[in-house]
Protein backbone atom coordinates (compact mmCIF):
# COMPACT_ATOMS: atom_id res chain seq x y z
CA MET A 1 132.18 74.68 77.20
CA THR A 2 132.59 76.20 80.66
CA PHE A 3 132.90 79.96 81.17
CA SER A 4 133.84 82.40 83.92
CA LEU A 5 132.47 85.80 84.90
CA ASP A 6 134.50 89.00 84.99
CA PHE A 7 132.33 91.44 86.98
CA ARG A 8 132.22 95.07 88.16
CA THR A 9 129.95 96.51 90.85
CA HIS A 10 128.71 99.96 91.82
CA SER A 11 126.13 101.31 94.28
CA GLU A 12 125.61 104.91 95.38
CA ILE A 13 123.07 107.22 96.99
CA GLY A 14 122.77 109.45 93.94
CA PRO A 15 122.66 113.26 93.94
CA LEU A 16 119.17 113.68 95.44
CA ARG A 17 118.50 110.88 97.94
CA LYS A 18 119.55 111.09 101.59
CA ASN A 19 120.49 107.43 102.02
CA ASN A 20 121.12 104.33 99.94
CA GLN A 21 118.34 101.73 100.11
CA ASP A 22 119.83 99.56 97.32
CA SER A 23 121.99 96.54 98.03
CA GLY A 24 123.88 94.12 95.82
CA PHE A 25 126.05 91.02 95.79
CA ALA A 26 128.45 89.69 93.17
CA SER A 27 130.71 86.64 93.12
CA PRO A 28 132.00 84.19 90.51
CA ASN A 29 128.75 82.25 91.12
CA MET A 30 126.07 84.90 91.71
CA LEU A 31 124.92 88.37 90.67
CA VAL A 32 122.10 90.00 92.69
CA VAL A 33 120.56 93.49 92.94
CA ALA A 34 117.93 94.47 95.55
CA ASP A 35 116.19 97.85 95.57
CA GLY A 36 114.68 98.58 98.98
CA MET A 37 111.63 100.78 99.39
CA GLY A 38 109.56 102.15 102.22
CA GLY A 39 111.42 105.32 103.14
CA ALA A 40 111.26 105.67 106.91
CA ALA A 41 109.93 102.13 107.01
CA ALA A 42 113.42 100.79 106.35
CA GLY A 43 113.93 100.06 102.67
CA ASP A 44 117.64 99.74 103.38
CA LEU A 45 116.87 97.02 105.90
CA ALA A 46 114.63 95.17 103.43
CA SER A 47 117.29 95.07 100.72
CA THR A 48 119.90 94.03 103.28
CA VAL A 49 117.71 91.14 104.44
CA ALA A 50 117.38 89.98 100.83
CA ILE A 51 121.10 90.11 100.13
CA THR A 52 122.25 88.60 103.44
CA THR A 53 119.84 85.70 102.97
CA ILE A 54 120.63 85.02 99.33
CA ASP A 55 124.42 85.30 99.68
CA ARG A 56 124.35 82.21 101.94
CA ILE A 57 123.83 80.03 98.88
CA ASP A 58 126.89 81.35 97.04
CA GLN A 59 128.00 78.15 95.32
CA ARG A 60 128.26 76.57 91.88
CA LEU A 61 125.14 74.59 90.98
CA GLN A 62 123.64 73.35 87.71
CA GLY A 63 120.42 73.67 85.73
CA GLU A 64 117.07 73.52 87.50
CA GLU A 65 118.90 73.03 90.78
CA MET A 66 119.89 76.71 90.62
CA LEU A 67 116.26 77.81 90.31
CA THR A 68 115.17 75.59 93.20
CA VAL A 69 117.81 76.82 95.63
CA LEU A 70 117.66 80.46 94.55
CA GLY A 71 113.86 80.55 94.63
CA ASP A 72 113.92 78.96 98.08
CA ALA A 73 116.37 81.63 99.27
CA VAL A 74 114.06 84.40 98.09
CA ILE A 75 111.13 82.82 99.92
CA HIS A 76 113.21 82.60 103.10
CA ALA A 77 114.15 86.27 102.72
CA ASN A 78 110.44 87.05 102.48
CA ASP A 79 109.86 85.07 105.70
CA ARG A 80 112.54 87.10 107.47
CA LEU A 81 110.84 90.33 106.40
CA ALA A 82 107.52 89.05 107.73
CA ASP A 83 109.12 88.18 111.08
CA LEU A 84 110.75 91.60 111.37
CA VAL A 85 107.46 93.38 110.72
CA ALA A 86 105.67 91.14 113.22
CA ALA A 87 108.28 92.01 115.84
CA ASP A 88 108.31 95.75 115.06
CA HIS A 89 105.19 97.27 113.46
CA SER A 90 107.09 100.46 112.60
CA LEU A 91 108.73 98.44 109.82
CA ASP A 92 105.39 97.72 108.17
CA GLY A 93 105.63 99.07 104.65
CA MET A 94 109.21 98.09 103.90
CA GLY A 95 109.87 95.96 100.85
CA THR A 96 112.47 95.23 98.23
CA THR A 97 112.88 94.11 94.68
CA VAL A 98 115.19 91.18 93.95
CA THR A 99 116.76 90.50 90.58
CA GLY A 100 119.57 87.99 90.66
CA ALA A 101 121.07 84.88 89.17
CA MET A 102 123.24 81.91 89.91
CA PHE A 103 125.93 81.02 87.36
CA SER A 104 126.68 77.38 86.54
CA GLY A 105 129.56 77.99 84.15
CA GLU A 106 127.24 77.61 81.15
CA GLN A 107 123.84 78.95 82.25
CA LEU A 108 122.19 81.57 84.41
CA GLY A 109 119.45 80.56 86.83
CA LEU A 110 117.50 83.82 87.08
CA VAL A 111 115.07 84.90 89.81
CA HIS A 112 113.12 88.18 89.68
CA ILE A 113 110.47 90.14 91.58
CA GLY A 114 109.81 93.88 91.30
CA ASP A 115 111.16 96.37 88.77
CA SER A 116 114.92 96.01 88.97
CA ARG A 117 116.18 94.50 85.73
CA ALA A 118 118.56 92.03 84.13
CA TYR A 119 119.82 92.55 80.56
CA LEU A 120 121.81 90.37 78.16
CA LEU A 121 123.94 91.95 75.44
CA ARG A 122 124.81 89.47 72.67
CA ASN A 123 126.24 90.32 69.25
CA GLY A 124 125.11 93.93 69.48
CA HIS A 125 121.54 93.04 70.50
CA LEU A 126 120.28 94.01 73.97
CA GLU A 127 117.65 91.70 75.46
CA ARG A 128 115.71 92.43 78.63
CA LEU A 129 115.64 89.16 80.59
CA THR A 130 113.09 90.33 83.17
CA THR A 131 109.62 91.85 83.04
CA ASP A 132 108.82 94.62 85.49
CA HIS A 133 106.12 93.65 87.96
CA SER A 134 104.52 97.06 87.59
CA TRP A 135 101.08 98.30 86.68
CA VAL A 136 102.22 100.09 83.54
CA MET A 137 103.99 96.99 82.23
CA SER A 138 100.76 95.02 82.69
CA LEU A 139 99.07 97.68 80.55
CA VAL A 140 101.82 97.34 77.95
CA ALA A 141 101.34 93.56 77.92
CA GLU A 142 97.62 94.05 77.32
CA GLY A 143 98.28 96.47 74.46
CA LYS A 144 96.64 99.39 76.25
CA ILE A 145 99.73 101.63 76.20
CA SER A 146 103.09 101.56 74.44
CA GLU A 147 106.55 101.13 75.95
CA ALA A 148 107.21 104.82 75.28
CA GLU A 149 104.03 105.81 77.11
CA ALA A 150 104.98 103.56 80.01
CA GLU A 151 108.23 105.49 80.54
CA THR A 152 106.31 108.69 81.36
CA HIS A 153 103.08 107.22 82.74
CA PRO A 154 102.01 108.96 86.00
CA HIS A 155 101.52 105.56 87.66
CA ARG A 156 104.82 104.02 86.55
CA ASN A 157 105.96 103.66 90.18
CA LEU A 158 103.11 101.33 91.05
CA LEU A 159 104.48 97.84 91.71
CA LEU A 160 102.21 94.81 91.72
CA LYS A 161 104.78 92.42 93.22
CA VAL A 162 107.68 92.98 95.59
CA LEU A 163 109.31 91.12 98.44
CA ASN A 164 107.53 92.53 101.51
CA GLY A 165 106.60 89.60 103.73
CA GLN A 166 103.40 88.75 101.86
CA PRO A 167 103.22 85.02 101.03
CA THR A 168 101.41 85.53 97.71
CA HIS A 169 104.29 87.40 96.09
CA ARG A 170 106.29 84.74 94.25
CA PRO A 171 109.26 85.52 92.01
CA ASP A 172 109.68 84.69 88.32
CA THR A 173 112.41 82.18 87.41
CA LEU A 174 114.22 81.54 84.14
CA LEU A 175 117.16 79.50 82.79
CA VAL A 176 119.37 81.33 80.28
CA ASP A 177 122.03 79.66 78.11
CA LEU A 178 125.18 81.76 77.83
CA GLN A 179 127.79 82.20 75.13
CA GLU A 180 131.34 83.48 75.20
CA GLY A 181 131.31 87.25 74.68
CA ASP A 182 127.92 87.82 76.34
CA ARG A 183 127.67 90.86 78.61
CA LEU A 184 125.26 90.92 81.57
CA LEU A 185 123.75 93.93 83.32
CA PHE A 186 121.82 93.82 86.61
CA CYS A 187 120.53 97.18 87.84
CA SER A 188 118.04 98.95 90.07
CA ASP A 189 115.61 101.44 88.56
CA GLY A 190 118.02 104.18 89.54
CA LEU A 191 119.51 103.36 86.12
CA CYS A 192 116.72 101.81 84.03
CA GLY A 193 114.18 104.31 85.39
CA PHE A 194 116.22 107.19 83.96
CA ALA A 195 117.75 105.63 80.85
CA ASN A 196 115.93 103.83 78.04
CA ASP A 197 117.15 100.59 76.51
CA GLN A 198 118.80 102.31 73.55
CA GLN A 199 120.83 104.56 75.84
CA ILE A 200 121.85 101.55 77.92
CA LEU A 201 122.88 99.68 74.76
CA ASP A 202 124.99 102.64 73.60
CA HIS A 203 127.07 102.48 76.79
CA LEU A 204 127.33 98.69 76.97
CA GLN A 205 128.69 97.89 73.55
CA GLY A 206 132.10 98.58 72.06
CA THR A 207 133.96 99.29 75.31
CA ASP A 208 135.44 97.56 78.34
CA LEU A 209 133.59 96.98 81.61
CA ASP A 210 135.07 99.96 83.46
CA ARG A 211 134.17 102.45 80.73
CA ALA A 212 130.74 100.88 80.34
CA MET A 213 130.15 101.30 84.08
CA ASP A 214 131.24 104.95 84.01
CA GLY A 215 129.01 105.64 81.03
CA LEU A 216 125.94 104.07 82.64
CA ILE A 217 126.44 106.04 85.87
CA GLN A 218 126.71 109.30 83.93
CA GLN A 219 123.61 108.36 81.95
CA ALA A 220 121.66 107.86 85.18
CA TYR A 221 122.81 111.30 86.36
CA HIS A 222 121.91 112.84 83.01
CA GLY A 223 118.43 111.34 83.26
CA GLY A 224 117.82 113.05 86.59
CA GLY A 225 119.65 110.93 89.16
CA ALA A 226 116.61 111.02 91.44
CA ASP A 227 117.16 107.55 92.89
CA ASN A 228 119.87 105.30 94.26
CA ILE A 229 122.01 103.84 91.49
CA THR A 230 123.12 100.20 91.70
CA ILE A 231 124.75 98.43 88.77
CA ILE A 232 126.46 95.06 88.35
CA LEU A 233 128.17 94.29 85.03
CA ALA A 234 129.71 90.96 84.00
CA ASP A 235 131.38 89.61 80.88
CA VAL A 236 131.19 85.92 80.00
CA LEU A 237 134.76 84.79 79.26
CA PRO A 238 136.57 81.47 78.74
CA GLN A 239 137.01 79.57 81.98
CA SER A 240 139.68 81.13 84.22
CA ASP A 241 140.85 79.84 87.59
CA GLU A 242 141.80 83.40 88.53
CA LEU A 243 138.31 84.75 87.82
CA ASP A 244 136.66 81.80 89.56
CA ALA A 245 138.70 82.51 92.70
CA ARG A 246 137.71 86.20 93.00
CA PRO A 247 136.25 87.13 96.39
CA ALA A 248 132.59 88.04 96.64
CA GLU A 249 131.55 91.70 96.89
CA VAL A 250 128.68 93.14 98.93
CA ILE A 251 127.60 96.65 97.92
CA GLY A 252 125.13 99.32 98.95
CA ALA A 253 123.07 99.35 102.14
CA ALA A 254 123.99 95.75 103.00
CA VAL A 255 127.57 96.84 103.74
CA ASP A 256 126.60 98.89 106.81
CA THR A 257 123.04 97.88 107.73
CA THR A 258 122.58 95.46 110.60
CA VAL A 259 119.56 93.16 110.58
CA PRO A 260 117.94 93.21 114.06
CA GLU A 261 117.95 90.04 116.08
CA ILE A 262 114.48 88.59 116.61
CA ASP A 263 113.56 87.27 120.03
CA PRO A 264 112.29 83.73 119.32
CA THR A 265 109.91 83.96 122.30
CA SER A 266 108.03 86.86 120.71
CA THR A 267 107.76 85.63 117.13
CA SER A 268 106.83 82.49 115.27
CA ALA A 269 109.97 80.51 116.12
CA ALA A 270 109.24 76.82 115.67
CA ILE A 271 110.85 73.69 117.00
CA VAL A 272 112.08 71.52 114.14
CA ALA A 273 111.96 67.88 115.18
CA GLU A 274 114.54 65.50 113.84
CA GLU A 275 113.00 62.77 111.68
CA ASP A 276 114.61 59.76 113.27
CA ASP A 277 113.66 56.85 115.49
CA GLU A 278 114.82 58.47 118.71
CA GLU A 279 112.07 59.07 121.25
CA GLN A 280 111.42 62.74 122.00
CA THR A 281 111.90 63.80 125.60
CA ALA A 282 109.35 65.87 127.49
CA ASP A 283 111.66 68.86 128.02
CA VAL A 284 112.74 70.59 124.79
CA VAL A 285 115.36 73.33 124.76
CA ILE A 286 115.09 75.80 121.89
CA ASP A 287 118.41 76.89 120.46
CA PRO A 288 117.65 80.26 118.78
CA GLU A 289 120.71 80.16 116.52
CA ARG A 290 119.90 76.65 115.35
CA VAL A 291 116.25 77.51 114.71
CA GLU A 292 117.29 80.59 112.73
CA SER A 293 119.78 78.66 110.60
CA LEU A 294 117.29 75.88 109.90
CA ARG A 295 114.56 78.31 108.87
CA TYR A 296 116.68 80.48 106.61
CA ALA A 297 119.35 78.18 105.17
CA PRO A 298 118.03 77.11 101.73
CA THR A 299 118.50 73.41 101.08
CA LEU A 300 117.60 70.95 98.36
CA VAL A 301 114.90 68.95 100.11
CA LYS A 302 111.53 67.66 99.05
CA PRO A 303 108.97 70.22 100.25
CA ARG A 304 106.81 69.20 103.18
CA ARG A 305 103.40 70.43 102.08
CA TRP A 306 101.98 70.18 105.59
CA LEU A 307 104.69 72.34 107.15
CA GLY A 308 103.49 75.67 105.72
CA PRO A 309 99.94 75.46 107.13
CA VAL A 310 101.26 74.25 110.51
CA LEU A 311 103.74 77.10 110.81
CA SER A 312 101.07 79.54 109.61
CA SER A 313 98.76 78.35 112.35
CA ILE A 314 101.51 78.80 114.93
CA LEU A 315 102.12 82.31 113.60
CA VAL A 316 98.42 83.17 113.89
CA VAL A 317 98.35 81.99 117.51
CA VAL A 318 101.43 84.07 118.32
CA VAL A 319 99.91 87.13 116.60
CA LEU A 320 96.70 86.70 118.60
CA ALA A 321 98.74 86.47 121.79
CA GLY A 322 100.51 89.64 120.74
CA LEU A 323 97.17 91.37 120.27
CA GLY A 324 96.31 90.45 123.82
CA PHE A 325 99.50 91.99 125.21
CA GLY A 326 99.79 95.36 123.50
CA GLY A 327 98.57 94.72 119.95
CA VAL A 328 95.10 95.93 120.91
CA ALA A 329 96.40 99.49 121.23
CA TYR A 330 97.98 99.21 117.79
CA ALA A 331 94.77 97.94 116.22
CA LYS A 332 92.73 100.74 117.79
CA SER A 333 95.02 103.33 116.21
CA GLN A 334 94.40 102.01 112.69
CA TYR A 335 91.70 103.19 110.27
CA TYR A 336 90.74 102.08 106.79
CA VAL A 337 87.94 102.56 104.27
CA GLY A 338 86.16 99.44 103.05
CA SER A 339 82.78 98.04 102.16
CA SER A 340 79.98 97.11 104.55
CA PRO A 341 77.82 93.98 104.08
CA GLU A 342 75.22 96.35 102.60
CA GLU A 343 77.81 97.50 100.00
CA LYS A 344 78.15 100.97 101.52
CA VAL A 345 81.49 102.79 101.75
CA THR A 346 82.41 102.43 105.42
CA ILE A 347 85.15 103.67 107.75
CA TYR A 348 86.55 100.95 110.01
CA ASN A 349 88.68 101.30 113.13
CA GLY A 350 91.15 98.42 113.47
CA ILE A 351 92.77 96.02 111.01
CA PRO A 352 91.04 93.91 108.33
CA GLY A 353 90.33 90.24 108.85
CA GLN A 354 89.09 87.81 111.44
CA LEU A 355 90.05 84.45 112.90
CA LEU A 356 87.74 81.83 114.36
CA GLY A 357 84.93 84.38 114.30
CA VAL A 358 86.94 87.05 116.16
CA LYS A 359 87.02 90.35 114.26
CA PHE A 360 89.89 92.81 114.61
CA GLN A 361 87.90 95.89 113.59
CA ARG A 362 84.73 97.83 114.32
CA VAL A 363 82.60 100.13 112.20
CA ALA A 364 83.51 103.74 112.93
CA GLU A 365 81.20 105.43 110.41
CA THR A 366 79.00 104.27 107.54
CA SER A 367 78.36 106.60 104.60
CA GLU A 368 75.47 106.73 102.16
CA VAL A 369 77.85 106.11 99.22
CA THR A 370 77.07 102.85 97.44
CA VAL A 371 80.09 100.91 96.22
CA ASP A 372 78.40 100.08 92.90
CA ASP A 373 78.12 103.82 92.14
CA LEU A 374 81.92 104.19 92.09
CA PRO A 375 84.15 103.81 89.02
CA THR A 376 85.29 100.20 88.60
CA PHE A 377 88.83 101.03 89.68
CA TYR A 378 87.69 102.50 92.99
CA GLN A 379 85.21 99.69 93.57
CA ASN A 380 88.22 97.37 93.53
CA ARG A 381 90.21 99.71 95.77
CA VAL A 382 87.42 99.84 98.37
CA ALA A 383 87.04 96.05 98.19
CA ALA A 384 90.78 95.71 98.91
CA THR A 385 90.51 98.40 101.64
CA ILE A 386 92.16 101.85 101.58
CA GLN A 387 94.40 102.64 104.53
CA ALA A 388 94.10 106.01 106.30
CA ASP A 389 96.40 107.69 108.80
CA ASP A 390 93.53 108.64 111.12
CA LEU A 391 89.77 109.25 111.23
CA PRO A 392 89.90 112.72 109.57
CA ALA A 393 91.97 111.27 106.71
CA ALA A 394 89.45 108.45 106.31
CA ARG A 395 86.62 111.00 106.17
CA ARG A 396 88.43 112.93 103.46
CA THR A 397 88.81 109.73 101.47
CA VAL A 398 85.07 109.06 101.79
CA ALA A 399 84.32 112.62 100.67
CA GLU A 400 86.38 112.14 97.52
CA LEU A 401 84.73 108.80 96.86
CA ARG A 402 81.34 110.50 97.25
CA SER A 403 82.32 113.00 94.54
CA LEU A 404 83.41 110.20 92.22
CA ALA A 405 80.17 108.32 92.82
CA ASN A 406 78.09 111.42 92.05
CA ALA A 407 80.02 111.98 88.83
CA CYS A 408 79.55 108.37 87.81
CA ARG A 409 75.81 108.47 88.46
CA ALA A 410 75.55 111.56 86.28
CA LYS A 411 77.61 109.91 83.56
CA ARG A 412 75.42 106.80 83.58
CA ALA A 413 72.26 108.91 83.51
CA GLN A 414 73.64 110.79 80.54
CA ARG A 415 74.34 107.56 78.67
CA ASN A 416 70.90 106.15 79.47
CA THR A 417 68.93 109.27 78.46
CA PRO A 418 67.71 108.96 74.83
CA PRO A 419 68.34 111.97 72.56
CA GLN A 420 65.34 114.33 72.27
CA GLU A 421 64.05 116.23 69.27
CA GLY A 422 63.81 119.98 69.19
CA PRO A 423 65.24 122.65 71.44
CA SER A 424 65.21 120.36 74.47
CA SER A 425 68.11 118.42 72.95
CA SER A 426 70.41 121.41 73.33
CA PRO A 427 73.66 120.53 75.09
CA SER A 428 72.90 123.18 77.68
CA SER A 429 69.67 121.53 78.81
CA GLY A 430 69.42 118.95 81.56
CA PRO A 431 71.59 118.46 84.62
CA SER A 432 73.87 115.96 82.88
CA SER A 433 75.26 118.65 80.59
CA SER A 434 77.29 120.09 83.43
CA VAL A 435 79.36 116.93 83.78
CA SER A 436 82.38 116.87 81.49
CA PRO A 437 84.47 113.77 80.82
CA SER A 438 87.39 115.39 82.58
CA SER A 439 85.36 115.86 85.73
CA MET A 440 84.69 112.15 85.88
CA SER A 441 88.20 110.98 85.15
CA PRO A 442 90.09 110.57 88.44
CA SER A 443 93.41 111.74 87.08
CA ALA A 444 96.63 111.96 89.03
CA SER A 445 95.89 115.55 90.10
CA THR A 446 92.47 114.70 91.53
CA SER A 447 93.16 111.35 93.16
CA PRO A 448 91.60 111.38 96.64
CA GLU A 449 93.80 111.25 99.68
CA GLY A 450 94.39 107.69 100.74
CA ILE A 451 93.80 106.39 97.21
CA PRO A 452 96.82 105.52 95.02
CA ALA A 453 98.24 108.62 93.33
CA PRO A 454 101.53 109.29 91.55
CA GLU A 455 104.61 109.74 93.74
CA SER A 456 102.62 108.99 96.93
CA ALA A 457 100.67 105.87 97.80
CA LEU A 458 101.61 104.41 94.43
CA SER A 459 105.18 103.88 95.61
CA GLN A 460 104.08 101.79 98.57
CA PRO A 461 104.05 98.10 97.64
CA GLN A 462 101.84 96.95 100.47
CA THR A 463 99.04 99.28 99.22
CA THR A 464 99.43 98.82 95.53
CA ALA A 465 99.83 95.08 95.25
CA SER A 466 96.08 94.65 95.49
CA SER A 467 95.42 96.94 92.55
CA PRO A 468 94.17 94.82 89.65
CA PRO A 469 96.32 94.79 86.51
CA GLY A 470 94.62 96.49 83.63
CA SER A 471 92.36 98.68 85.78
CA THR A 472 93.26 102.27 85.10
CA PRO A 473 91.95 105.12 87.23
CA THR A 474 92.17 107.59 84.37
CA SER A 475 89.27 106.35 82.26
CA ALA A 476 85.82 107.90 82.50
CA GLU A 477 84.48 104.74 80.89
CA ASP A 478 85.17 103.01 84.23
CA CYS A 479 81.79 104.35 85.38
């Protein structure tokens, strides 16, 4: 049996934010929510890029074909973000979640990355179709904390996967069979971050779409309303030509945000050769509009496995050329804390990485702090590098790491010292007695500057994606 979707959409700034960084798209064939992040680094632009790329595939497809085309569209949106950052470094740090689906008439082809959510209400039971790509949800999956604890965890804003131009961040995909009477909810965390599943269920069931929408918006306000609120609701109804002919709706930041044009001579624009028997001429004219449409129009083609490495190589060459014509100044203004070959905590000036033996950084200062002396969490953070705004900020980060290393050494010494008989075993004796568990637990209030902490670096996807799931900075046993 074939169905149709009756949908409602809503996106707003909310009572506390200064601008709307959420975007959304709804049509008889697609439902998509994108929650941009990055603050001054253009979260509204990131969500707009996602929506304006994905809405190009607004069509009725079937089965696995939906997942292929939709997943390809998300990857192309990620490529566009990477190109924008390469062309304008001030955009570095922007990212967006994407939670959306294509509708075949009988199934949903779902794609998801980040912590926006999709829900299915069926026969009074609310099912979450997506899993948040967040640190706390990885802890829930490992049984280390409960769902209730996750809702108030100080690191709940830490995302492990978002769409931010990084090629390793791939979305989840899922096929969902639908039934008549199902109700669908797609939302940013402006709703699900301030309302639990039971509260959402209470507003979804037993009412029409308009009242359900009003109730969910009020629930988000009641929960604090500290974020943009974007909601798409849809009921699965018997097939209707009228519903299938409804025009598409774009909501949120994507309505007013313009995606900058990228000069193909300054980015990784590539010439796509036609695969035919015609002989190529020596002079090739690049048509920017054609190149753009070919790169970002998702199509059902067999992937060319060689194309990715070739284009990546071209991109690297272009980046190196950019470094030679102005990128050097940018690199010299960057600082980060990492590990030296001798496993010492070290401040570097520049950007991590090298190509063909050419390094893009120099050692600014090397400390006496040994990486192995740090808690496990911060060993991983140093290995992944910790960004700093300038040299003084990097020095403050090293100072905090030094304190953590000292505390860990004392903790290990305390564990390795055998208990003694007599008065010498008094808790007041020995230097280790002055170290309390709380002093060795890098809680949210004592997180060093430049190291992920609640409501600060934790909300930045480009910093937090390297944090290993299951590593918690609040455990003294990390030493």
